[in-house]
Amino acid sequence: MKLSIVGYGKMGRMVEQFAPELGFTVHSKIDVGDPLANAKGADVAIEFSTPEAALGNIEGLAALGIPTVTGTTGWLHEMARVQAVMAKNDAALIWSANFSIGVNVLLRAVHEVSRLLADEPAYEAWAWEIHHSAKKDAPSGTLLALVREMKAAGYARPVSESSNRAGKIAGTHEIGFDSAEDTITLRHTARTREGFARGALRAAQMIQGRKGVHEFKDLFGATR
């Protein structure tokens, strides 16, 4: 499949590196200042840009009829607008704040455990993450997504959130539940950023034949 890479920063370059491994040929690379029309003719696009550019890229790629995978956040408050754009153009979008396969499986697991403990008041919860010292946002977008998943599953009690920044740690996220009798801990540890690029390419494989807006975590084990 012909792949257009929209946003040619660290993640874009990593996507380019692993694209052949997953059966893709790089059709075009579009960075700041390049016309989005250069993506025309691609079978799929992977978009890693900035919150300011993402919405325009998503809409422009839909207008070109190119199924798109985006790992950019900051546009989710415009979800209704994006859904309308996809419907108007008969287009498809897969999005995620984190394309690690393991993190997306963790999101599903956290949802299920939270659902089961929603009506068990003896269990209090925490959410914790640690990343390298250069990461500026805290808590991470992934930790916030995990907490949102807990709430969506019906866990309405307070969740104690905390973050640490140190060294070169690629990223660890942990959700825990504790009672007087026992503790349940769900943890994901990333070793490298390569898993994010490979996950985005997996999503680009999954998008074929789909329409509308999909979150990556919902596609594991799902039928079309």
Protein backbone atom coordinates (compact mmCIF):
# COMPACT_ATOMS: atom_id res chain seq x y z
CA MET A 1 0.00 0.00 0.00
CA LYS A 2 1.10 3.54 -0.77
CA LEU A 3 1.59 5.56 2.43
CA SER A 4 1.67 9.32 2.88
CA ILE A 5 3.45 10.53 6.05
CA VAL A 6 1.99 13.84 7.23
CA GLY A 7 4.28 15.44 9.80
CA TYR A 8 7.92 14.48 9.32
CA GLY A 9 9.30 14.79 12.85
CA LYS A 10 10.68 12.02 15.06
CA MET A 11 7.56 9.88 14.78
CA GLY A 12 7.20 10.47 11.05
CA ARG A 13 10.77 9.34 10.47
CA MET A 14 10.23 6.26 12.61
CA VAL A 15 7.06 5.40 10.66
CA GLU A 16 9.11 5.71 7.46
CA GLN A 17 11.74 3.37 8.89
CA PHE A 18 9.29 0.56 9.66
CA ALA A 19 6.86 1.06 6.77
CA PRO A 20 8.44 -1.56 4.45
CA GLU A 21 8.39 -4.11 7.26
CA LEU A 22 4.58 -3.90 7.38
CA GLY A 23 4.03 -3.87 3.62
CA PHE A 24 3.94 -0.12 2.89
CA THR A 25 5.71 1.96 0.25
CA VAL A 26 6.23 5.61 1.20
CA HIS A 27 4.33 7.62 -1.40
CA SER A 28 4.95 11.09 0.03
CA LYS A 29 6.34 12.92 3.05
CA ILE A 30 4.59 16.17 3.98
CA ASP A 31 6.06 18.53 6.53
CA VAL A 32 5.37 22.12 7.59
CA GLY A 33 4.86 24.31 4.52
CA ASP A 34 4.33 21.45 2.09
CA PRO A 35 0.97 21.28 0.29
CA LEU A 36 -1.35 18.57 1.57
CA ALA A 37 -2.24 17.87 -2.06
CA ASN A 38 1.08 16.01 -2.31
CA ALA A 39 -0.68 13.14 -0.51
CA LYS A 40 -3.05 12.62 -3.47
CA GLY A 41 -2.83 9.08 -4.77
CA ALA A 42 -1.88 7.52 -1.43
CA ASP A 43 -3.85 4.53 -0.12
CA VAL A 44 -3.54 5.72 3.49
CA ALA A 45 -1.99 8.57 5.49
CA ILE A 46 -0.36 8.56 8.92
CA GLU A 47 -0.52 11.96 10.58
CA PHE A 48 1.78 13.01 13.44
CA SER A 49 1.81 16.82 13.45
CA THR A 50 0.78 19.43 16.03
CA PRO A 51 -2.55 20.21 17.74
CA GLU A 52 -2.75 23.41 15.67
CA ALA A 53 -2.33 21.60 12.34
CA ALA A 54 -4.07 18.29 12.99
CA LEU A 55 -7.68 19.33 12.41
CA GLY A 56 -6.89 20.92 9.04
CA ASN A 57 -4.84 17.89 8.02
CA ILE A 58 -7.60 15.47 9.00
CA GLU A 59 -10.22 17.43 7.07
CA GLY A 60 -7.97 17.93 4.05
CA LEU A 61 -7.05 14.25 3.81
CA ALA A 62 -10.73 13.27 4.09
CA ALA A 63 -11.52 15.64 1.21
CA LEU A 64 -8.82 13.88 -0.84
CA GLY A 65 -10.45 10.53 -0.06
CA ILE A 66 -7.43 9.23 1.87
CA PRO A 67 -8.09 7.04 4.96
CA THR A 68 -6.09 8.56 7.81
CA VAL A 69 -4.44 7.42 11.02
CA THR A 70 -3.59 10.22 13.47
CA GLY A 71 -1.58 10.17 16.67
CA THR A 72 -1.91 13.93 17.21
CA THR A 73 -4.04 15.07 20.14
CA GLY A 74 -5.52 18.46 20.99
CA TRP A 75 -8.44 18.28 18.54
CA LEU A 76 -10.74 15.87 20.40
CA HIS A 77 -13.06 18.70 21.49
CA GLU A 78 -13.90 18.93 17.76
CA MET A 79 -14.89 15.26 17.52
CA ALA A 80 -18.45 16.02 16.33
CA ARG A 81 -17.03 18.18 13.53
CA VAL A 82 -14.59 15.45 12.49
CA GLN A 83 -17.33 12.82 12.50
CA ALA A 84 -19.43 15.06 10.23
CA VAL A 85 -16.47 15.53 7.87
CA MET A 86 -15.90 11.78 7.66
CA ALA A 87 -19.59 11.18 6.92
CA LYS A 88 -19.68 13.92 4.26
CA ASN A 89 -16.63 12.51 2.45
CA ASP A 90 -17.41 8.83 3.06
CA ALA A 91 -13.96 8.72 4.68
CA ALA A 92 -12.25 6.94 7.57
CA LEU A 93 -10.12 7.98 10.55
CA ILE A 94 -8.41 5.96 13.27
CA TRP A 95 -7.08 7.98 16.20
CA SER A 96 -5.24 7.32 19.44
CA ALA A 97 -3.24 9.28 21.98
CA ASN A 98 -0.84 6.31 22.08
CA PHE A 99 -0.43 3.71 19.33
CA SER A 100 1.48 1.20 21.45
CA ILE A 101 -0.32 -2.14 21.06
CA GLY A 102 0.27 -2.86 24.74
CA VAL A 103 -1.16 0.46 25.92
CA ASN A 104 -4.30 -0.05 23.85
CA VAL A 105 -4.77 -3.53 25.29
CA LEU A 106 -4.22 -1.95 28.74
CA LEU A 107 -7.00 0.57 28.06
CA ARG A 108 -9.39 -2.29 27.34
CA ALA A 109 -8.26 -4.16 30.47
CA VAL A 110 -8.61 -1.07 32.68
CA HIS A 111 -12.13 -0.52 31.39
CA GLU A 112 -13.17 -4.05 32.29
CA VAL A 113 -11.59 -4.07 35.76
CA SER A 114 -13.07 -0.63 36.50
CA ARG A 115 -16.50 -1.86 35.43
CA LEU A 116 -16.26 -4.85 37.74
CA LEU A 117 -15.16 -2.70 40.69
CA ALA A 118 -17.53 0.23 40.08
CA ASP A 119 -19.96 -1.03 42.72
CA GLU A 120 -17.29 -2.29 45.13
CA PRO A 121 -16.70 0.70 47.47
CA ALA A 122 -13.96 -1.11 49.39
CA TYR A 123 -11.60 -0.57 46.42
CA GLU A 124 -9.89 2.81 46.09
CA ALA A 125 -7.89 3.62 42.97
CA TRP A 126 -4.70 5.32 41.83
CA ALA A 127 -3.18 6.25 38.48
CA TRP A 128 0.57 6.81 38.14
CA GLU A 129 3.06 7.37 35.33
CA ILE A 130 6.77 8.08 34.89
CA HIS A 131 8.61 9.35 31.79
CA HIS A 132 12.00 10.76 30.82
CA SER A 133 12.94 14.15 32.20
CA ALA A 134 12.52 15.88 28.79
CA LYS A 135 8.77 15.17 28.67
CA LYS A 136 7.02 18.43 29.53
CA ASP A 137 3.37 17.49 30.04
CA ALA A 138 2.35 15.83 33.29
CA PRO A 139 0.28 13.82 33.73
CA SER A 140 0.75 12.25 30.32
CA GLY A 141 -2.04 12.13 27.77
CA THR A 142 -2.03 8.36 28.09
CA LEU A 143 -2.60 8.49 31.86
CA LEU A 144 -5.48 10.90 31.34
CA ALA A 145 -6.91 8.50 28.75
CA LEU A 146 -6.66 5.64 31.24
CA VAL A 147 -8.52 7.65 33.88
CA ARG A 148 -11.18 8.60 31.33
CA GLU A 149 -11.57 4.90 30.58
CA MET A 150 -12.13 4.21 34.28
CA LYS A 151 -14.83 6.87 34.47
CA ALA A 152 -16.46 5.65 31.25
CA ALA A 153 -16.67 2.18 32.77
CA GLY A 154 -18.63 3.55 35.72
CA TYR A 155 -15.88 3.94 38.34
CA ALA A 156 -17.13 7.21 39.86
CA ARG A 157 -14.99 7.39 43.02
CA PRO A 158 -11.87 9.61 43.25
CA VAL A 159 -8.70 8.44 41.48
CA SER A 160 -5.39 9.61 42.96
CA GLU A 161 -3.20 10.75 40.04
CA SER A 162 0.58 11.25 40.15
CA SER A 163 3.51 11.66 37.77
CA ASN A 164 7.30 11.55 37.87
CA ARG A 165 9.97 12.74 35.43
CA ALA A 166 13.50 11.32 35.53
CA GLY A 167 16.31 10.07 33.34
CA LYS A 168 15.59 8.42 29.98
CA ILE A 169 12.54 6.32 30.88
CA ALA A 170 10.43 5.66 27.76
CA GLY A 171 7.23 5.51 29.77
CA THR A 172 5.45 3.46 32.44
CA HIS A 173 1.73 3.70 33.22
CA GLU A 174 0.04 2.03 36.16
CA ILE A 175 -3.55 1.78 37.35
CA GLY A 176 -4.18 0.21 40.74
CA PHE A 177 -7.06 -0.70 43.03
CA ASP A 178 -6.57 -1.36 46.73
CA SER A 179 -8.79 -2.72 49.51
CA ALA A 180 -8.13 -3.99 53.03
CA GLU A 181 -7.99 -7.52 51.63
CA ASP A 182 -5.97 -7.21 48.41
CA THR A 183 -4.46 -5.09 45.65
CA ILE A 184 -4.96 -5.21 41.87
CA THR A 185 -2.28 -3.58 39.71
CA LEU A 186 -2.32 -3.08 35.92
CA ARG A 187 0.97 -1.78 34.49
CA HIS A 188 2.47 -1.14 31.06
CA THR A 189 6.16 -0.33 30.53
CA ALA A 190 7.45 0.89 27.16
CA ARG A 191 11.03 -0.02 26.26
CA THR A 192 11.37 2.14 23.13
CA ARG A 193 9.28 4.47 20.95
CA GLU A 194 9.38 1.94 18.12
CA GLY A 195 6.17 0.36 19.36
CA PHE A 196 4.30 3.65 18.71
CA ALA A 197 5.37 3.69 15.05
CA ARG A 198 4.61 0.01 14.48
CA GLY A 199 1.21 0.47 16.14
CA ALA A 200 0.34 3.37 13.82
CA LEU A 201 1.26 1.18 10.85
CA ARG A 202 -0.93 -1.61 12.24
CA ALA A 203 -3.78 0.90 12.39
CA ALA A 204 -3.09 1.82 8.76
CA GLN A 205 -3.59 -1.86 7.89
CA MET A 206 -6.80 -2.03 9.95
CA ILE A 207 -8.36 1.05 8.34
CA GLN A 208 -8.79 -0.56 4.94
CA GLY A 209 -12.49 -1.01 4.19
CA ARG A 210 -13.67 1.02 7.21
CA LYS A 211 -15.70 4.22 7.28
CA GLY A 212 -16.21 6.82 10.00
CA VAL A 213 -14.16 7.56 13.13
CA HIS A 214 -12.60 4.78 15.22
CA GLU A 215 -10.40 4.74 18.31
CA PHE A 216 -7.49 2.31 17.97
CA LYS A 217 -8.19 0.52 21.26
CA ASP A 218 -11.66 -0.48 20.08
CA LEU A 219 -10.39 -2.41 17.05
CA PHE A 220 -8.65 -5.26 18.84
CA GLY A 221 -10.79 -8.35 18.47
CA ALA A 222 -13.51 -6.34 16.68
CA THR A 223 -15.26 -7.33 13.48
CA ARG A 224 -15.97 -4.75 10.76
